[in-house]
């Protein structure tokens, strides 16, 4: 059961990370179009955290494969 949870958690983290990255790109673009530097910064932060969460999820799945 623990192995299944690690794979499931990894997949969930990757999906959430990809979503946050996309959301950040949209915020960054919207901020650029409107001149809202705060929204752009928030978008860049969302992108960075999304990429980190996606990488963590990939790591969880690799660890599950190794076990």
Protein backbone atom coordinates (compact mmCIF):
# COMPACT_ATOMS: atom_id res chain seq x y z
CA UNK A 1 0.00 0.00 0.00
CA UNK A 2 2.85 2.42 0.74
CA UNK A 3 4.26 1.90 -2.77
CA UNK A 4 0.92 2.74 -4.34
CA UNK A 5 0.63 5.85 -2.20
CA UNK A 6 4.10 7.05 -3.25
CA UNK A 7 3.25 6.66 -6.95
CA UNK A 8 -0.17 8.25 -6.46
CA UNK A 9 1.31 11.14 -4.48
CA UNK A 10 3.97 11.67 -7.13
CA UNK A 11 1.41 11.79 -9.90
CA UNK A 12 -0.78 14.17 -7.91
CA UNK A 13 2.17 16.46 -7.14
CA UNK A 14 3.23 16.54 -10.78
CA UNK A 15 -0.28 17.39 -11.96
CA UNK A 16 -0.69 20.14 -9.38
CA UNK A 17 2.75 21.49 -10.24
CA UNK A 18 1.98 21.59 -13.96
CA UNK A 19 -1.30 23.37 -13.23
CA UNK A 20 0.43 25.96 -11.00
CA UNK A 21 3.09 26.52 -13.67
CA UNK A 22 0.40 27.14 -16.30
CA UNK A 23 -1.53 29.40 -13.95
CA UNK A 24 1.66 31.35 -13.31
CA UNK A 25 2.33 31.78 -17.02
CA UNK A 26 -1.17 33.17 -17.49
CA UNK A 27 -0.78 35.59 -14.57
CA UNK A 28 2.63 36.68 -15.86
CA UNK A 29 1.21 37.33 -19.33
CA UNK A 30 -1.85 39.15 -17.98
CA UNK A 31 0.35 41.30 -15.77
CA UNK A 32 2.54 42.14 -18.75
CA UNK A 33 -0.43 43.16 -20.85
CA UNK A 34 -1.96 45.32 -18.15
CA UNK A 35 1.29 46.70 -16.73
CA UNK A 36 0.59 45.10 -13.35
CA UNK A 37 4.07 44.23 -12.07
CA UNK A 38 2.62 42.68 -8.90
CA UNK A 39 0.59 40.21 -10.96
CA UNK A 40 3.66 39.43 -13.06
CA UNK A 41 5.71 38.73 -9.95
CA UNK A 42 2.96 36.53 -8.54
CA UNK A 43 2.89 34.65 -11.84
CA UNK A 44 6.64 34.08 -11.78
CA UNK A 45 6.39 32.79 -8.21
CA UNK A 46 3.58 30.42 -9.20
CA UNK A 47 5.69 29.16 -12.10
CA UNK A 48 8.70 28.51 -9.88
CA UNK A 49 6.69 26.70 -7.21
CA UNK A 50 4.87 24.70 -9.89
CA UNK A 51 8.13 23.55 -11.45
CA UNK A 52 9.46 22.58 -8.03
CA UNK A 53 6.32 20.61 -7.16
CA UNK A 54 6.39 18.85 -10.55
CA UNK A 55 10.03 17.88 -10.03
CA UNK A 56 9.22 16.59 -6.54
CA UNK A 57 6.41 14.47 -7.98
CA UNK A 58 8.75 13.03 -10.61
CA UNK A 59 11.21 12.20 -7.85
CA UNK A 60 8.52 10.41 -5.87
CA UNK A 61 7.61 8.29 -8.89
CA UNK A 62 11.28 7.46 -9.59
CA UNK A 63 11.71 6.44 -5.97
CA UNK A 64 8.64 4.22 -6.25
CA UNK A 65 10.14 2.58 -9.36
CA UNK A 66 13.39 1.93 -7.50
CA UNK A 67 11.63 0.24 -4.58
